[in-house]
Amino acid sequence: MSEALDKTLASTQEVTAFLREFLERLPDEDLKQGDDLRNHVKRLGLTVPRELEGLEITWSGRDPHTHCEAGDAGSLVVVGPGHPDAVGLVIKCIRVGKWHACLECGWFWCRIVLTRRF
């Protein structure tokens, strides 16, 4: 495997690990569409990965499909173990720069879905 691919996959793992921890811990009851979430990152004691530094991080809601439009949207899905406290399906979505990131968790699996129009 090439060194460039190794770095890309390591960065992807770092970003998706951050997104999962942040979205699992983010209290969303008082958030409105477009709210800046940087203060929540600080309050939760998390560090924004280098790849996301300088990008806006905003609340995008609980519906992973509201951002999808017909056309050239591309997605990357990273799946991991579920969340033991999930009852049904837990969905939280944020915007990071031009990307839309959703955490969808069930009891058996969680997935981060990253979507962007190209």
C-alpha atoms as a PDB file:
ATOM      1  CA  MET A   1       0.000   0.000   0.000  1.00  0.00           C
ATOM      2  CA  SER A   2       1.384   3.414  -0.842  1.00  0.00           C
ATOM      3  CA  GLU A   3       2.399   5.938   1.805  1.00  0.00           C
ATOM      4  CA  ALA A   4      -0.091   8.485   0.406  1.00  0.00           C
ATOM      5  CA  LEU A   5      -2.959   6.001   0.816  1.00  0.00           C
ATOM      6  CA  ASP A   6      -1.791   5.166   4.355  1.00  0.00           C
ATOM      7  CA  LYS A   7      -1.866   8.877   5.267  1.00  0.00           C
ATOM      8  CA  THR A   8      -5.283   9.366   3.658  1.00  0.00           C
ATOM      9  CA  LEU A   9      -6.816   6.432   5.529  1.00  0.00           C
ATOM     10  CA  ALA A  10      -5.183   7.472   8.823  1.00  0.00           C
ATOM     11  CA  SER A  11      -6.618  10.995   8.382  1.00  0.00           C
ATOM     12  CA  THR A  12     -10.029   9.542   7.545  1.00  0.00           C
ATOM     13  CA  GLN A  13      -9.940   7.437  10.707  1.00  0.00           C
ATOM     14  CA  GLU A  14      -8.960  10.467  12.823  1.00  0.00           C
ATOM     15  CA  VAL A  15     -11.748  12.634  11.351  1.00  0.00           C
ATOM     16  CA  THR A  16     -14.453   9.970  11.665  1.00  0.00           C
ATOM     17  CA  ALA A  17     -13.382   9.135  15.258  1.00  0.00           C
ATOM     18  CA  PHE A  18     -13.692  12.829  16.143  1.00  0.00           C
ATOM     19  CA  LEU A  19     -17.096  13.104  14.428  1.00  0.00           C
ATOM     20  CA  ARG A  20     -18.445  10.033  16.193  1.00  0.00           C
ATOM     21  CA  GLU A  21     -17.309  11.143  19.658  1.00  0.00           C
ATOM     22  CA  PHE A  22     -18.481  14.716  19.093  1.00  0.00           C
ATOM     23  CA  LEU A  23     -21.896  13.774  17.713  1.00  0.00           C
ATOM     24  CA  GLU A  24     -22.517  11.124  20.378  1.00  0.00           C
ATOM     25  CA  ARG A  25     -21.810  13.650  23.139  1.00  0.00           C
ATOM     26  CA  LEU A  26     -23.376  16.744  21.522  1.00  0.00           C
ATOM     27  CA  PRO A  27     -26.592  17.755  23.310  1.00  0.00           C
ATOM     28  CA  ASP A  28     -28.905  18.771  20.485  1.00  0.00           C
ATOM     29  CA  GLU A  29     -32.120  19.779  22.243  1.00  0.00           C
ATOM     30  CA  ASP A  30     -31.551  23.540  21.917  1.00  0.00           C
ATOM     31  CA  LEU A  31     -29.719  23.645  18.576  1.00  0.00           C
ATOM     32  CA  LYS A  32     -31.094  25.367  15.491  1.00  0.00           C
ATOM     33  CA  GLN A  33     -30.153  24.866  11.847  1.00  0.00           C
ATOM     34  CA  GLY A  34     -26.858  26.665  11.141  1.00  0.00           C
ATOM     35  CA  ASP A  35     -25.790  27.147  14.793  1.00  0.00           C
ATOM     36  CA  ASP A  36     -21.994  27.333  15.189  1.00  0.00           C
ATOM     37  CA  LEU A  37     -20.766  24.303  17.156  1.00  0.00           C
ATOM     38  CA  ARG A  38     -17.134  25.313  17.873  1.00  0.00           C
ATOM     39  CA  ASN A  39     -18.003  26.259  21.484  1.00  0.00           C
ATOM     40  CA  HIS A  40     -19.510  22.793  21.992  1.00  0.00           C
ATOM     41  CA  VAL A  41     -16.271  21.211  20.765  1.00  0.00           C
ATOM     42  CA  LYS A  42     -14.316  23.217  23.368  1.00  0.00           C
ATOM     43  CA  ARG A  43     -16.854  22.601  26.146  1.00  0.00           C
ATOM     44  CA  LEU A  44     -16.675  18.834  25.536  1.00  0.00           C
ATOM     45  CA  GLY A  45     -12.866  18.980  25.738  1.00  0.00           C
ATOM     46  CA  LEU A  46     -12.350  17.692  22.213  1.00  0.00           C
ATOM     47  CA  THR A  47      -9.637  18.645  19.761  1.00  0.00           C
ATOM     48  CA  VAL A  48     -10.601  19.362  16.171  1.00  0.00           C
ATOM     49  CA  PRO A  49      -8.469  17.229  13.827  1.00  0.00           C
ATOM     50  CA  ARG A  50      -5.901  19.092  11.753  1.00  0.00           C
ATOM     51  CA  GLU A  51      -7.879  18.362   8.571  1.00  0.00           C
ATOM     52  CA  LEU A  52     -10.918  20.248   9.919  1.00  0.00           C
ATOM     53  CA  GLU A  53      -9.129  23.268  11.375  1.00  0.00           C
ATOM     54  CA  GLY A  54     -10.475  26.557  10.043  1.00  0.00           C
ATOM     55  CA  LEU A  55     -13.676  25.008   8.659  1.00  0.00           C
ATOM     56  CA  GLU A  56     -17.108  26.028   9.901  1.00  0.00           C
ATOM     57  CA  ILE A  57     -18.827  23.391  12.016  1.00  0.00           C
ATOM     58  CA  THR A  58     -22.581  24.001  12.183  1.00  0.00           C
ATOM     59  CA  TRP A  59     -25.715  22.129  13.262  1.00  0.00           C
ATOM     60  CA  SER A  60     -27.593  20.564  10.401  1.00  0.00           C
ATOM     61  CA  GLY A  61     -30.405  18.762  12.186  1.00  0.00           C
ATOM     62  CA  ARG A  62     -31.619  15.210  12.560  1.00  0.00           C
ATOM     63  CA  ASP A  63     -32.672  14.387   8.995  1.00  0.00           C
ATOM     64  CA  PRO A  64     -29.791  13.007   6.949  1.00  0.00           C
ATOM     65  CA  HIS A  65     -31.730  13.437   3.713  1.00  0.00           C
ATOM     66  CA  THR A  66     -32.535  17.168   3.836  1.00  0.00           C
ATOM     67  CA  HIS A  67     -29.182  18.097   2.289  1.00  0.00           C
ATOM     68  CA  CYS A  68     -29.297  15.596  -0.562  1.00  0.00           C
ATOM     69  CA  GLU A  69     -30.148  16.920  -3.959  1.00  0.00           C
ATOM     70  CA  ALA A  70     -30.177  15.095  -7.239  1.00  0.00           C
ATOM     71  CA  GLY A  71     -26.905  15.367  -9.051  1.00  0.00           C
ATOM     72  CA  ASP A  72     -23.314  14.642  -8.324  1.00  0.00           C
ATOM     73  CA  ALA A  73     -23.451  14.034  -4.569  1.00  0.00           C
ATOM     74  CA  GLY A  74     -20.757  11.641  -3.402  1.00  0.00           C
ATOM     75  CA  SER A  75     -20.749   9.811  -0.084  1.00  0.00           C
ATOM     76  CA  LEU A  76     -18.230   8.112   2.139  1.00  0.00           C
ATOM     77  CA  VAL A  77     -19.590   5.778   4.820  1.00  0.00           C
ATOM     78  CA  VAL A  78     -17.549   4.524   7.776  1.00  0.00           C
ATOM     79  CA  VAL A  79     -19.181   1.830   9.922  1.00  0.00           C
ATOM     80  CA  GLY A  80     -18.213   0.838  13.456  1.00  0.00           C
ATOM     81  CA  PRO A  81     -19.656  -0.857  16.535  1.00  0.00           C
ATOM     82  CA  GLY A  82     -23.065   0.214  17.779  1.00  0.00           C
ATOM     83  CA  HIS A  83     -24.023   2.294  20.766  1.00  0.00           C
ATOM     84  CA  PRO A  84     -25.324   0.311  23.777  1.00  0.00           C
ATOM     85  CA  ASP A  85     -27.737   3.099  24.775  1.00  0.00           C
ATOM     86  CA  ALA A  86     -29.259   3.507  21.304  1.00  0.00           C
ATOM     87  CA  VAL A  87     -32.944   2.757  21.227  1.00  0.00           C
ATOM     88  CA  GLY A  88     -34.099   2.712  17.642  1.00  0.00           C
ATOM     89  CA  LEU A  89     -31.917   4.828  15.390  1.00  0.00           C
ATOM     90  CA  VAL A  90     -30.043   7.874  16.666  1.00  0.00           C
ATOM     91  CA  ILE A  91     -29.314  10.484  13.982  1.00  0.00           C
ATOM     92  CA  LYS A  92     -27.437  13.761  14.346  1.00  0.00           C
ATOM     93  CA  CYS A  93     -26.113  15.793  11.433  1.00  0.00           C
ATOM     94  CA  ILE A  94     -23.642  18.660  11.158  1.00  0.00           C
ATOM     95  CA  ARG A  95     -21.983  20.619   8.378  1.00  0.00           C
ATOM     96  CA  VAL A  96     -18.192  20.763   8.276  1.00  0.00           C
ATOM     97  CA  GLY A  97     -17.072  23.108   5.540  1.00  0.00           C
ATOM     98  CA  LYS A  98     -18.723  21.837   2.343  1.00  0.00           C
ATOM     99  CA  TRP A  99     -19.304  18.363   3.788  1.00  0.00           C
ATOM    100  CA  HIS A 100     -22.463  17.134   5.477  1.00  0.00           C
ATOM    101  CA  ALA A 101     -21.693  14.603   8.248  1.00  0.00           C
ATOM    102  CA  CYS A 102     -24.315  12.418   9.906  1.00  0.00           C
ATOM    103  CA  LEU A 103     -23.990   9.921  12.727  1.00  0.00           C
ATOM    104  CA  GLU A 104     -26.541   7.145  12.505  1.00  0.00           C
ATOM    105  CA  CYS A 105     -26.398   4.717  15.433  1.00  0.00           C
ATOM    106  CA  GLY A 106     -28.316   1.627  16.289  1.00  0.00           C
ATOM    107  CA  TRP A 107     -27.633  -0.936  18.954  1.00  0.00           C
ATOM    108  CA  PHE A 108     -25.500  -3.142  16.646  1.00  0.00           C
ATOM    109  CA  TRP A 109     -23.752  -0.542  14.444  1.00  0.00           C
ATOM    110  CA  CYS A 110     -22.993   3.128  14.028  1.00  0.00           C
ATOM    111  CA  ARG A 111     -22.051   4.781  10.802  1.00  0.00           C
ATOM    112  CA  ILE A 112     -20.693   8.149   9.855  1.00  0.00           C
ATOM    113  CA  VAL A 113     -22.029   9.267   6.482  1.00  0.00           C
ATOM    114  CA  LEU A 114     -20.046  12.062   4.825  1.00  0.00           C
ATOM    115  CA  THR A 115     -21.717  13.618   1.792  1.00  0.00           C
ATOM    116  CA  ARG A 116     -20.708  16.424  -0.547  1.00  0.00           C
ATOM    117  CA  ARG A 117     -21.779  17.654  -3.943  1.00  0.00           C
ATOM    118  CA  PHE A 118     -18.863  17.682  -6.351  1.00  0.00           C
END
